[in-house]
Amino acid sequence: MPSAQTKDPTVEVDLGGRTVAVPKGGLYDRYRMDPDLDEIARDPRVGGVDFFRQLPKTRVDSPIGPTLTPNFYYAISTARVTMLAPSGAIRGRLPRELEPLELVPGLGLVSVMFFRYDVCDIDFYTEAAVGIAVKPARHGRLGFFDLVSGLKNEHLDSYVLSLPVSTEIARVRGRDGYGFPKWVTGLDVDIDAGRTSARVANDAGGVDLSLLAATPKQSAHPSGDRVGSLTSYTRINGAWHSTLSQTHVLKAGTARVPRDVRLRLGEGRMSDDLRSLRPIRTVRFDVMTEGQLALHMPVPTSVPRRTA
């Protein structure tokens, strides 16, 4: 299923020798990652830009050419289904250097996530992910604070197995610039205060994975009051890197041990990845109907070698 964006006029841009089409007159076409925050603040979908004024951008060289970091997402909504899974199945999908974050011995945490980016530096797109919660790579032993923070999804470390997106610029930047397993597919994500739904298409146009659930009751948070972080580990040209994303939560809610979350597996890469983890039960459903995000470029990181 093609993105609705492809029906609109586009212009071609270069990302480190890779040519991609972006919406003509869109944020990337106009600003090339160097936005006019005063102009963006006038967009009715954006609930202020103070969060971004505190994060000056830096020009860096990258596999996708010179770029500015972080990438700003001014209006987003997200959903996360967190499940228990056997640690043995999780370890079978993790690189040897990483260890699963365990709730109790033998049980780790895996998630299916959905993202809708309504206003961002690289224009509208949607995204989904199958991820594994892992121990911070630089910690020899996991402390109690790390475990509690991880379970609250405030400061989480992860390894992503699959990350489909709806636009080519998101695929190229994510795959070549960040090392994520990204591909383009039909991907619908709709999140509001009443309902959360998502559908990821497979290569044949059928359903890879879908979600339908009532949105948990939302609580508003003052600007700057709740900022969480996610560190993702990837290999780029054989070397380990870590990517930091900072989430600025404005409206969000959680359902614990939810009963009405309908996560349907079909045929495709996401469903295959989730099945391989053998999830046992859903323990949390987190939805953010209003938020913002700053995605930093990856940086080299030391990941201990593990032989067992």
C-alpha atoms as a PDB file:
ATOM      1  CA  MET A   1       0.000   0.000   0.000  1.00  0.00           C
ATOM      2  CA  PRO A   2       1.707   3.250  -1.076  1.00  0.00           C
ATOM      3  CA  SER A   3       1.936   6.163   1.287  1.00  0.00           C
ATOM      4  CA  ALA A   4      -0.514   8.981   0.631  1.00  0.00           C
ATOM      5  CA  GLN A   5       2.553  11.222   0.562  1.00  0.00           C
ATOM      6  CA  THR A   6       3.652   9.771  -2.802  1.00  0.00           C
ATOM      7  CA  LYS A   7       0.645  11.407  -4.519  1.00  0.00           C
ATOM      8  CA  ASP A   8       1.927  14.884  -3.726  1.00  0.00           C
ATOM      9  CA  PRO A   9       4.660  16.775  -5.640  1.00  0.00           C
ATOM     10  CA  THR A  10       8.160  15.772  -4.591  1.00  0.00           C
ATOM     11  CA  VAL A  11      11.737  16.938  -5.031  1.00  0.00           C
ATOM     12  CA  GLU A  12      14.867  14.799  -5.049  1.00  0.00           C
ATOM     13  CA  VAL A  13      17.520  15.253  -2.373  1.00  0.00           C
ATOM     14  CA  ASP A  14      20.922  13.677  -1.855  1.00  0.00           C
ATOM     15  CA  LEU A  15      21.781  11.760   1.320  1.00  0.00           C
ATOM     16  CA  GLY A  16      25.428  10.812   1.097  1.00  0.00           C
ATOM     17  CA  GLY A  17      25.142   9.723  -2.538  1.00  0.00           C
ATOM     18  CA  ARG A  18      21.667   8.235  -2.163  1.00  0.00           C
ATOM     19  CA  THR A  19      18.853  10.048  -3.962  1.00  0.00           C
ATOM     20  CA  VAL A  20      15.454  10.101  -2.284  1.00  0.00           C
ATOM     21  CA  ALA A  21      12.223  11.981  -2.947  1.00  0.00           C
ATOM     22  CA  VAL A  22      10.705  14.226  -0.265  1.00  0.00           C
ATOM     23  CA  PRO A  23       7.544  16.362  -0.265  1.00  0.00           C
ATOM     24  CA  LYS A  24       7.997  19.587  -2.197  1.00  0.00           C
ATOM     25  CA  GLY A  25       7.643  22.498   0.198  1.00  0.00           C
ATOM     26  CA  GLY A  26       7.832  20.191   3.222  1.00  0.00           C
ATOM     27  CA  LEU A  27      10.021  20.740   6.252  1.00  0.00           C
ATOM     28  CA  TYR A  28      12.981  18.847   4.826  1.00  0.00           C
ATOM     29  CA  ASP A  29      12.744  20.606   1.465  1.00  0.00           C
ATOM     30  CA  ARG A  30      12.610  24.019   3.136  1.00  0.00           C
ATOM     31  CA  TYR A  31      14.976  23.630   6.063  1.00  0.00           C
ATOM     32  CA  ARG A  32      17.292  20.610   5.507  1.00  0.00           C
ATOM     33  CA  MET A  33      17.176  19.789   9.230  1.00  0.00           C
ATOM     34  CA  ASP A  34      17.851  23.425  10.253  1.00  0.00           C
ATOM     35  CA  PRO A  35      14.308  24.508  11.165  1.00  0.00           C
ATOM     36  CA  ASP A  36      12.815  27.883  11.925  1.00  0.00           C
ATOM     37  CA  LEU A  37      11.341  27.062  15.335  1.00  0.00           C
ATOM     38  CA  ASP A  38       9.220  30.213  15.389  1.00  0.00           C
ATOM     39  CA  GLU A  39       7.592  29.144  12.136  1.00  0.00           C
ATOM     40  CA  ILE A  40       7.023  25.572  13.340  1.00  0.00           C
ATOM     41  CA  ALA A  41       5.475  26.852  16.574  1.00  0.00           C
ATOM     42  CA  ARG A  42       2.691  28.389  14.487  1.00  0.00           C
ATOM     43  CA  ASP A  43       1.576  24.946  13.278  1.00  0.00           C
ATOM     44  CA  PRO A  44      -1.624  24.143  15.237  1.00  0.00           C
ATOM     45  CA  ARG A  45      -0.552  20.521  15.604  1.00  0.00           C
ATOM     46  CA  VAL A  46       2.580  21.524  17.535  1.00  0.00           C
ATOM     47  CA  GLY A  47       2.170  22.072  21.264  1.00  0.00           C
ATOM     48  CA  GLY A  48       5.092  24.464  21.644  1.00  0.00           C
ATOM     49  CA  VAL A  49       8.807  24.309  20.825  1.00  0.00           C
ATOM     50  CA  ASP A  50      10.467  25.147  24.163  1.00  0.00           C
ATOM     51  CA  PHE A  51      11.765  21.569  24.448  1.00  0.00           C
ATOM     52  CA  PHE A  52      13.722  22.004  21.211  1.00  0.00           C
ATOM     53  CA  ARG A  53      15.137  25.420  22.060  1.00  0.00           C
ATOM     54  CA  GLN A  54      17.138  23.703  24.808  1.00  0.00           C
ATOM     55  CA  LEU A  55      18.690  21.252  22.312  1.00  0.00           C
ATOM     56  CA  PRO A  56      20.969  23.103  19.904  1.00  0.00           C
ATOM     57  CA  LYS A  57      21.757  21.209  16.736  1.00  0.00           C
ATOM     58  CA  THR A  58      25.280  20.178  15.790  1.00  0.00           C
ATOM     59  CA  ARG A  59      26.595  19.573  12.288  1.00  0.00           C
ATOM     60  CA  VAL A  60      28.252  16.168  11.971  1.00  0.00           C
ATOM     61  CA  ASP A  61      29.617  13.923   9.252  1.00  0.00           C
ATOM     62  CA  SER A  62      27.736  10.650   8.892  1.00  0.00           C
ATOM     63  CA  PRO A  63      27.257   7.725   6.478  1.00  0.00           C
ATOM     64  CA  ILE A  64      24.407   9.742   4.924  1.00  0.00           C
ATOM     65  CA  GLY A  65      26.588  12.802   4.429  1.00  0.00           C
ATOM     66  CA  PRO A  66      26.905  15.979   6.527  1.00  0.00           C
ATOM     67  CA  THR A  67      23.792  16.446   8.639  1.00  0.00           C
ATOM     68  CA  LEU A  68      22.469  18.201  11.700  1.00  0.00           C
ATOM     69  CA  THR A  69      21.675  16.333  14.884  1.00  0.00           C
ATOM     70  CA  PRO A  70      19.388  15.773  16.692  1.00  0.00           C
ATOM     71  CA  ASN A  71      16.460  15.145  14.357  1.00  0.00           C
ATOM     72  CA  PHE A  72      13.417  16.964  15.782  1.00  0.00           C
ATOM     73  CA  TYR A  73       9.914  15.477  15.922  1.00  0.00           C
ATOM     74  CA  TYR A  74       7.500  18.253  16.882  1.00  0.00           C
ATOM     75  CA  ALA A  75       4.176  16.372  17.070  1.00  0.00           C
ATOM     76  CA  ILE A  76       4.074  12.614  17.594  1.00  0.00           C
ATOM     77  CA  SER A  77       1.910   9.850  19.038  1.00  0.00           C
ATOM     78  CA  THR A  78       3.096   6.396  20.055  1.00  0.00           C
ATOM     79  CA  ALA A  79       1.882   3.028  21.355  1.00  0.00           C
ATOM     80  CA  ARG A  80       3.881   0.266  23.035  1.00  0.00           C
ATOM     81  CA  VAL A  81       2.728  -3.275  23.857  1.00  0.00           C
ATOM     82  CA  THR A  82       5.147  -4.824  26.367  1.00  0.00           C
ATOM     83  CA  MET A  83       5.182  -8.588  26.845  1.00  0.00           C
ATOM     84  CA  LEU A  84       6.987 -11.206  28.894  1.00  0.00           C
ATOM     85  CA  ALA A  85       9.055 -13.722  26.951  1.00  0.00           C
ATOM     86  CA  PRO A  86      11.431 -16.548  27.891  1.00  0.00           C
ATOM     87  CA  SER A  87      15.000 -15.356  28.283  1.00  0.00           C
ATOM     88  CA  GLY A  88      16.225 -18.341  26.275  1.00  0.00           C
ATOM     89  CA  ALA A  89      14.182 -17.308  23.234  1.00  0.00           C
ATOM     90  CA  ILE A  90      15.330 -13.709  23.622  1.00  0.00           C
ATOM     91  CA  ARG A  91      18.995 -14.664  23.844  1.00  0.00           C
ATOM     92  CA  GLY A  92      18.574 -16.623  20.637  1.00  0.00           C
ATOM     93  CA  ARG A  93      17.831 -13.347  18.820  1.00  0.00           C
ATOM     94  CA  LEU A  94      20.329 -11.082  20.573  1.00  0.00           C
ATOM     95  CA  PRO A  95      23.959 -10.546  19.565  1.00  0.00           C
ATOM     96  CA  ARG A  96      26.240 -12.308  22.026  1.00  0.00           C
ATOM     97  CA  GLU A  97      27.429  -8.989  23.471  1.00  0.00           C
ATOM     98  CA  LEU A  98      23.975  -7.983  24.742  1.00  0.00           C
ATOM     99  CA  GLU A  99      21.968  -9.382  27.659  1.00  0.00           C
ATOM    100  CA  PRO A 100      18.181  -9.246  28.110  1.00  0.00           C
ATOM    101  CA  LEU A 101      16.650  -7.101  30.825  1.00  0.00           C
ATOM    102  CA  GLU A 102      14.898  -9.642  33.045  1.00  0.00           C
ATOM    103  CA  LEU A 103      11.843  -9.051  35.201  1.00  0.00           C
ATOM    104  CA  VAL A 104      12.674 -12.249  37.081  1.00  0.00           C
ATOM    105  CA  PRO A 105      15.261 -14.911  36.233  1.00  0.00           C
ATOM    106  CA  GLY A 106      14.203 -16.603  33.017  1.00  0.00           C
ATOM    107  CA  LEU A 107      11.738 -13.938  31.873  1.00  0.00           C
ATOM    108  CA  GLY A 108      12.619 -10.902  29.774  1.00  0.00           C
ATOM    109  CA  LEU A 109      10.706  -8.069  28.172  1.00  0.00           C
ATOM    110  CA  VAL A 110       9.887  -7.591  24.497  1.00  0.00           C
ATOM    111  CA  SER A 111       7.796  -4.894  22.864  1.00  0.00           C
ATOM    112  CA  VAL A 112       5.852  -4.081  19.745  1.00  0.00           C
ATOM    113  CA  MET A 113       5.817  -0.337  19.118  1.00  0.00           C
ATOM    114  CA  PHE A 114       3.968   1.959  16.742  1.00  0.00           C
ATOM    115  CA  PHE A 115       4.813   5.571  15.934  1.00  0.00           C
ATOM    116  CA  ARG A 116       3.036   8.368  14.087  1.00  0.00           C
ATOM    117  CA  TYR A 117       5.190  11.410  13.334  1.00  0.00           C
ATOM    118  CA  ASP A 118       2.827  14.153  12.200  1.00  0.00           C
ATOM    119  CA  VAL A 119       5.334  17.024  12.156  1.00  0.00           C
ATOM    120  CA  CYS A 120       9.069  16.372  11.972  1.00  0.00           C
ATOM    121  CA  ASP A 121      12.276  17.504  10.272  1.00  0.00           C
ATOM    122  CA  ILE A 122      11.989  14.738   7.643  1.00  0.00           C
ATOM    123  CA  ASP A 123       8.208  15.187   7.167  1.00  0.00           C
ATOM    124  CA  PHE A 124       5.266  12.954   8.062  1.00  0.00           C
ATOM    125  CA  TYR A 125       5.824   9.221   8.364  1.00  0.00           C
ATOM    126  CA  THR A 126       4.796   6.195  10.385  1.00  0.00           C
ATOM    127  CA  GLU A 127       6.897   3.452  11.902  1.00  0.00           C
ATOM    128  CA  ALA A 128       6.604   0.156  13.791  1.00  0.00           C
ATOM    129  CA  ALA A 129       9.116  -1.963  15.686  1.00  0.00           C
ATOM    130  CA  VAL A 130       9.760  -5.251  17.412  1.00  0.00           C
ATOM    131  CA  GLY A 131      12.302  -4.624  20.143  1.00  0.00           C
ATOM    132  CA  ILE A 132      13.996  -6.339  23.061  1.00  0.00           C
ATOM    133  CA  ALA A 133      14.716  -4.632  26.379  1.00  0.00           C
ATOM    134  CA  VAL A 134      18.401  -5.147  27.197  1.00  0.00           C
ATOM    135  CA  LYS A 135      20.721  -4.354  30.056  1.00  0.00           C
ATOM    136  CA  PRO A 136      22.780  -1.190  29.595  1.00  0.00           C
ATOM    137  CA  ALA A 137      25.818  -2.329  27.638  1.00  0.00           C
ATOM    138  CA  ARG A 138      28.354  -0.692  29.955  1.00  0.00           C
ATOM    139  CA  HIS A 139      26.943  -2.143  33.192  1.00  0.00           C
ATOM    140  CA  GLY A 140      28.609  -5.233  34.594  1.00  0.00           C
ATOM    141  CA  ARG A 141      25.626  -5.910  36.853  1.00  0.00           C
ATOM    142  CA  LEU A 142      22.153  -4.490  36.636  1.00  0.00           C
ATOM    143  CA  GLY A 143      21.214  -2.327  39.594  1.00  0.00           C
ATOM    144  CA  PHE A 144      17.750  -1.995  41.079  1.00  0.00           C
ATOM    145  CA  PHE A 145      17.391   1.556  39.738  1.00  0.00           C
ATOM    146  CA  ASP A 146      18.104   0.364  36.192  1.00  0.00           C
ATOM    147  CA  LEU A 147      15.457  -2.345  36.442  1.00  0.00           C
ATOM    148  CA  VAL A 148      12.758  -0.053  37.824  1.00  0.00           C
ATOM    149  CA  SER A 149      13.533   2.679  35.288  1.00  0.00           C
ATOM    150  CA  GLY A 150      13.466   0.214  32.421  1.00  0.00           C
ATOM    151  CA  LEU A 151      10.112  -1.229  33.419  1.00  0.00           C
ATOM    152  CA  LYS A 152       8.628   2.271  33.603  1.00  0.00           C
ATOM    153  CA  ASN A 153       9.845   2.915  30.041  1.00  0.00           C
ATOM    154  CA  GLU A 154      11.519   6.106  31.225  1.00  0.00           C
ATOM    155  CA  HIS A 155      15.149   5.131  30.631  1.00  0.00           C
ATOM    156  CA  LEU A 156      15.221   2.016  28.504  1.00  0.00           C
ATOM    157  CA  ASP A 157      17.952   0.283  26.530  1.00  0.00           C
ATOM    158  CA  SER A 158      16.931  -1.807  23.541  1.00  0.00           C
ATOM    159  CA  TYR A 159      17.909  -3.895  20.561  1.00  0.00           C
ATOM    160  CA  VAL A 160      15.558  -3.692  17.570  1.00  0.00           C
ATOM    161  CA  LEU A 161      14.813  -6.687  15.359  1.00  0.00           C
ATOM    162  CA  SER A 162      12.533  -5.023  12.805  1.00  0.00           C
ATOM    163  CA  LEU A 163      11.662  -1.411  12.060  1.00  0.00           C
ATOM    164  CA  PRO A 164       9.463  -0.843   8.991  1.00  0.00           C
ATOM    165  CA  VAL A 165       8.676   2.728   7.947  1.00  0.00           C
ATOM    166  CA  SER A 166       6.371   4.418   5.452  1.00  0.00           C
ATOM    167  CA  THR A 167       8.801   6.734   3.582  1.00  0.00           C
ATOM    168  CA  GLU A 168      12.052   6.339   1.697  1.00  0.00           C
ATOM    169  CA  ILE A 169      13.918   9.118   3.500  1.00  0.00           C
ATOM    170  CA  ALA A 170      13.132   7.448   6.824  1.00  0.00           C
ATOM    171  CA  ARG A 171      14.400   4.127   5.457  1.00  0.00           C
ATOM    172  CA  VAL A 172      17.670   5.508   4.083  1.00  0.00           C
ATOM    173  CA  ARG A 173      18.444   7.626   7.137  1.00  0.00           C
ATOM    174  CA  GLY A 174      17.527   4.831   9.540  1.00  0.00           C
ATOM    175  CA  ARG A 175      19.271   1.995   7.718  1.00  0.00           C
ATOM    176  CA  ASP A 176      22.417   3.705   6.443  1.00  0.00           C
ATOM    177  CA  GLY A 177      22.773   6.459   9.044  1.00  0.00           C
ATOM    178  CA  TYR A 178      21.741   4.605  12.201  1.00  0.00           C
ATOM    179  CA  GLY A 179      22.186   0.914  11.369  1.00  0.00           C
ATOM    180  CA  PHE A 180      18.549  -0.005  12.010  1.00  0.00           C
ATOM    181  CA  PRO A 181      16.769  -2.857  10.159  1.00  0.00           C
ATOM    182  CA  LYS A 182      14.409  -0.593   8.182  1.00  0.00           C
ATOM    183  CA  TRP A 183      12.355  -1.170   5.055  1.00  0.00           C
ATOM    184  CA  VAL A 184       9.437   0.671   3.414  1.00  0.00           C
ATOM    185  CA  THR A 185       5.948  -0.778   3.516  1.00  0.00           C
ATOM    186  CA  GLY A 186       2.311   0.240   3.853  1.00  0.00           C
ATOM    187  CA  LEU A 187       1.942   1.302   7.454  1.00  0.00           C
ATOM    188  CA  ASP A 188      -1.110   2.960   9.017  1.00  0.00           C
ATOM    189  CA  VAL A 189      -1.037   4.255  12.589  1.00  0.00           C
ATOM    190  CA  ASP A 190      -3.979   6.134  14.113  1.00  0.00           C
ATOM    191  CA  ILE A 191      -3.935   7.153  17.757  1.00  0.00           C
ATOM    192  CA  ASP A 192      -6.399   9.366  19.586  1.00  0.00           C
ATOM    193  CA  ALA A 193      -7.898   9.606  23.066  1.00  0.00           C
ATOM    194  CA  GLY A 194     -10.465   6.915  22.298  1.00  0.00           C
ATOM    195  CA  ARG A 195      -8.797   4.302  20.121  1.00  0.00           C
ATOM    196  CA  THR A 196      -5.390   3.088  19.032  1.00  0.00           C
ATOM    197  CA  SER A 197      -5.047   1.178  15.784  1.00  0.00           C
ATOM    198  CA  ALA A 198      -2.218   0.166  13.476  1.00  0.00           C
ATOM    199  CA  ARG A 199      -1.688  -2.040  10.447  1.00  0.00           C
ATOM    200  CA  VAL A 200       1.627  -3.096   8.914  1.00  0.00           C
ATOM    201  CA  ALA A 201       1.470  -4.541   5.396  1.00  0.00           C
ATOM    202  CA  ASN A 202       3.641  -7.381   4.151  1.00  0.00           C
ATOM    203  CA  ASP A 203       5.335  -7.649   0.759  1.00  0.00           C
ATOM    204  CA  ALA A 204       2.197  -9.143  -0.802  1.00  0.00           C
ATOM    205  CA  GLY A 205      -0.064  -6.343   0.449  1.00  0.00           C
ATOM    206  CA  GLY A 206      -1.574  -8.516   3.193  1.00  0.00           C
ATOM    207  CA  VAL A 207      -1.287  -8.048   6.932  1.00  0.00           C
ATOM    208  CA  ASP A 208       2.052  -8.536   8.615  1.00  0.00           C
ATOM    209  CA  LEU A 209       0.909  -7.308  12.026  1.00  0.00           C
ATOM    210  CA  SER A 210      -1.995  -5.244  13.363  1.00  0.00           C
ATOM    211  CA  LEU A 211      -3.159  -3.645  16.606  1.00  0.00           C
ATOM    212  CA  LEU A 212      -6.541  -2.504  17.870  1.00  0.00           C
ATOM    213  CA  ALA A 213      -7.185  -1.330  21.423  1.00  0.00           C
ATOM    214  CA  ALA A 214      -8.929   1.258  23.532  1.00  0.00           C
ATOM    215  CA  THR A 215      -6.504   4.051  24.381  1.00  0.00           C
ATOM    216  CA  PRO A 216      -5.649   4.140  28.101  1.00  0.00           C
ATOM    217  CA  LYS A 217      -6.904   7.209  29.943  1.00  0.00           C
ATOM    218  CA  GLN A 218      -4.545  10.068  29.188  1.00  0.00           C
ATOM    219  CA  SER A 219      -2.902  12.360  31.730  1.00  0.00           C
ATOM    220  CA  ALA A 220      -1.496  15.739  30.754  1.00  0.00           C
ATOM    221  CA  HIS A 221       2.049  16.693  31.721  1.00  0.00           C
ATOM    222  CA  PRO A 222       3.436  20.244  31.795  1.00  0.00           C
ATOM    223  CA  SER A 223       6.050  21.002  29.174  1.00  0.00           C
ATOM    224  CA  GLY A 224       9.455  19.783  30.342  1.00  0.00           C
ATOM    225  CA  ASP A 225       8.060  17.822  33.291  1.00  0.00           C
ATOM    226  CA  ARG A 226       8.449  14.328  31.828  1.00  0.00           C
ATOM    227  CA  VAL A 227      11.329  13.498  29.494  1.00  0.00           C
ATOM    228  CA  GLY A 228      12.293   9.866  29.008  1.00  0.00           C
ATOM    229  CA  SER A 229      15.164   8.339  27.059  1.00  0.00           C
ATOM    230  CA  LEU A 230      15.761   5.256  24.939  1.00  0.00           C
ATOM    231  CA  THR A 231      19.229   3.992  24.023  1.00  0.00           C
ATOM    232  CA  SER A 232      19.349   1.617  21.063  1.00  0.00           C
ATOM    233  CA  TYR A 233      22.355  -0.478  20.108  1.00  0.00           C
ATOM    234  CA  THR A 234      23.288  -1.137  16.471  1.00  0.00           C
ATOM    235  CA  ARG A 235      26.307  -2.135  14.437  1.00  0.00           C
ATOM    236  CA  ILE A 236      27.506   0.251  11.732  1.00  0.00           C
ATOM    237  CA  ASN A 237      30.296  -1.080   9.510  1.00  0.00           C
ATOM    238  CA  GLY A 238      30.929  -3.793  12.075  1.00  0.00           C
ATOM    239  CA  ALA A 239      31.373  -1.409  15.032  1.00  0.00           C
ATOM    240  CA  TRP A 240      28.908  -0.996  17.897  1.00  0.00           C
ATOM    241  CA  HIS A 241      27.072   2.323  18.191  1.00  0.00           C
ATOM    242  CA  SER A 242      24.442   3.678  20.567  1.00  0.00           C
ATOM    243  CA  THR A 243      21.609   5.965  19.520  1.00  0.00           C
ATOM    244  CA  LEU A 244      19.872   8.195  22.064  1.00  0.00           C
ATOM    245  CA  SER A 245      16.285   9.332  21.627  1.00  0.00           C
ATOM    246  CA  GLN A 246      14.636  11.699  24.117  1.00  0.00           C
ATOM    247  CA  THR A 247      10.864  11.646  24.417  1.00  0.00           C
ATOM    248  CA  HIS A 248       9.051  14.731  25.702  1.00  0.00           C
ATOM    249  CA  VAL A 249       5.711  13.457  27.041  1.00  0.00           C
ATOM    250  CA  LEU A 250       2.739  15.836  26.988  1.00  0.00           C
ATOM    251  CA  LYS A 251      -0.234  13.439  27.211  1.00  0.00           C
ATOM    252  CA  ALA A 252       0.073   9.732  27.988  1.00  0.00           C
ATOM    253  CA  GLY A 253      -1.508   6.819  29.796  1.00  0.00           C
ATOM    254  CA  THR A 254      -0.813   3.207  30.772  1.00  0.00           C
ATOM    255  CA  ALA A 255      -2.910   0.068  31.154  1.00  0.00           C
ATOM    256  CA  ARG A 256      -1.272  -2.665  33.241  1.00  0.00           C
ATOM    257  CA  VAL A 257      -2.011  -6.299  32.378  1.00  0.00           C
ATOM    258  CA  PRO A 258      -4.563  -5.128  29.773  1.00  0.00           C
ATOM    259  CA  ARG A 259      -7.232  -7.532  28.539  1.00  0.00           C
ATOM    260  CA  ASP A 260      -8.536  -5.744  25.460  1.00  0.00           C
ATOM    261  CA  VAL A 261      -5.342  -5.244  23.418  1.00  0.00           C
ATOM    262  CA  ARG A 262      -5.814  -7.082  20.129  1.00  0.00           C
ATOM    263  CA  LEU A 263      -2.370  -7.636  18.648  1.00  0.00           C
ATOM    264  CA  ARG A 264      -2.780  -9.847  15.568  1.00  0.00           C
ATOM    265  CA  LEU A 265       0.090 -11.632  13.892  1.00  0.00           C
ATOM    266  CA  GLY A 266      -0.059 -12.288  10.173  1.00  0.00           C
ATOM    267  CA  GLU A 267       2.590 -13.192   7.628  1.00  0.00           C
ATOM    268  CA  GLY A 268       5.720 -11.062   7.384  1.00  0.00           C
ATOM    269  CA  ARG A 269       9.002  -9.978   8.897  1.00  0.00           C
ATOM    270  CA  MET A 270       7.565  -8.335  12.017  1.00  0.00           C
ATOM    271  CA  SER A 271       5.337 -11.277  12.884  1.00  0.00           C
ATOM    272  CA  ASP A 272       8.189 -13.720  12.289  1.00  0.00           C
ATOM    273  CA  ASP A 273      10.426 -11.728  14.629  1.00  0.00           C
ATOM    274  CA  LEU A 274       7.784 -11.574  17.340  1.00  0.00           C
ATOM    275  CA  ARG A 275       6.971 -15.278  17.073  1.00  0.00           C
ATOM    276  CA  SER A 276      10.652 -16.128  17.437  1.00  0.00           C
ATOM    277  CA  LEU A 277      10.639 -14.438  20.860  1.00  0.00           C
ATOM    278  CA  ARG A 278       7.740 -16.665  22.071  1.00  0.00           C
ATOM    279  CA  PRO A 279       5.893 -13.943  24.025  1.00  0.00           C
ATOM    280  CA  ILE A 280       3.842 -15.276  26.941  1.00  0.00           C
ATOM    281  CA  ARG A 281       1.559 -12.456  28.057  1.00  0.00           C
ATOM    282  CA  THR A 282       1.058  -8.708  27.751  1.00  0.00           C
ATOM    283  CA  VAL A 283       1.995  -6.816  30.908  1.00  0.00           C
ATOM    284  CA  ARG A 284       1.702  -3.151  29.821  1.00  0.00           C
ATOM    285  CA  PHE A 285       0.088  -1.024  27.178  1.00  0.00           C
ATOM    286  CA  ASP A 286       1.503   2.497  26.971  1.00  0.00           C
ATOM    287  CA  VAL A 287       0.041   5.155  24.690  1.00  0.00           C
ATOM    288  CA  MET A 288       1.177   8.740  24.226  1.00  0.00           C
ATOM    289  CA  THR A 289      -1.356  10.791  22.295  1.00  0.00           C
ATOM    290  CA  GLU A 290       0.727  13.983  22.402  1.00  0.00           C
ATOM    291  CA  GLY A 291       4.478  14.177  22.580  1.00  0.00           C
ATOM    292  CA  GLN A 292       7.736  15.233  20.986  1.00  0.00           C
ATOM    293  CA  LEU A 293      11.056  13.568  20.265  1.00  0.00           C
ATOM    294  CA  ALA A 294      14.715  14.379  19.707  1.00  0.00           C
ATOM    295  CA  LEU A 295      16.644  11.642  17.895  1.00  0.00           C
ATOM    296  CA  HIS A 296      20.423  11.964  18.107  1.00  0.00           C
ATOM    297  CA  MET A 297      22.863  10.536  15.576  1.00  0.00           C
ATOM    298  CA  PRO A 298      24.564   7.327  16.735  1.00  0.00           C
ATOM    299  CA  VAL A 299      27.933   7.460  18.451  1.00  0.00           C
ATOM    300  CA  PRO A 300      30.557   4.693  18.832  1.00  0.00           C
ATOM    301  CA  THR A 301      30.186   2.802  22.075  1.00  0.00           C
ATOM    302  CA  SER A 302      32.063   0.086  23.952  1.00  0.00           C
ATOM    303  CA  VAL A 303      30.111  -3.145  24.298  1.00  0.00           C
ATOM    304  CA  PRO A 304      31.759  -5.839  26.455  1.00  0.00           C
ATOM    305  CA  ARG A 305      32.592  -9.121  24.784  1.00  0.00           C
ATOM    306  CA  ARG A 306      30.684 -12.069  26.214  1.00  0.00           C
ATOM    307  CA  THR A 307      31.664 -15.641  25.522  1.00  0.00           C
ATOM    308  CA  ALA A 308      28.829 -17.454  27.296  1.00  0.00           C
END
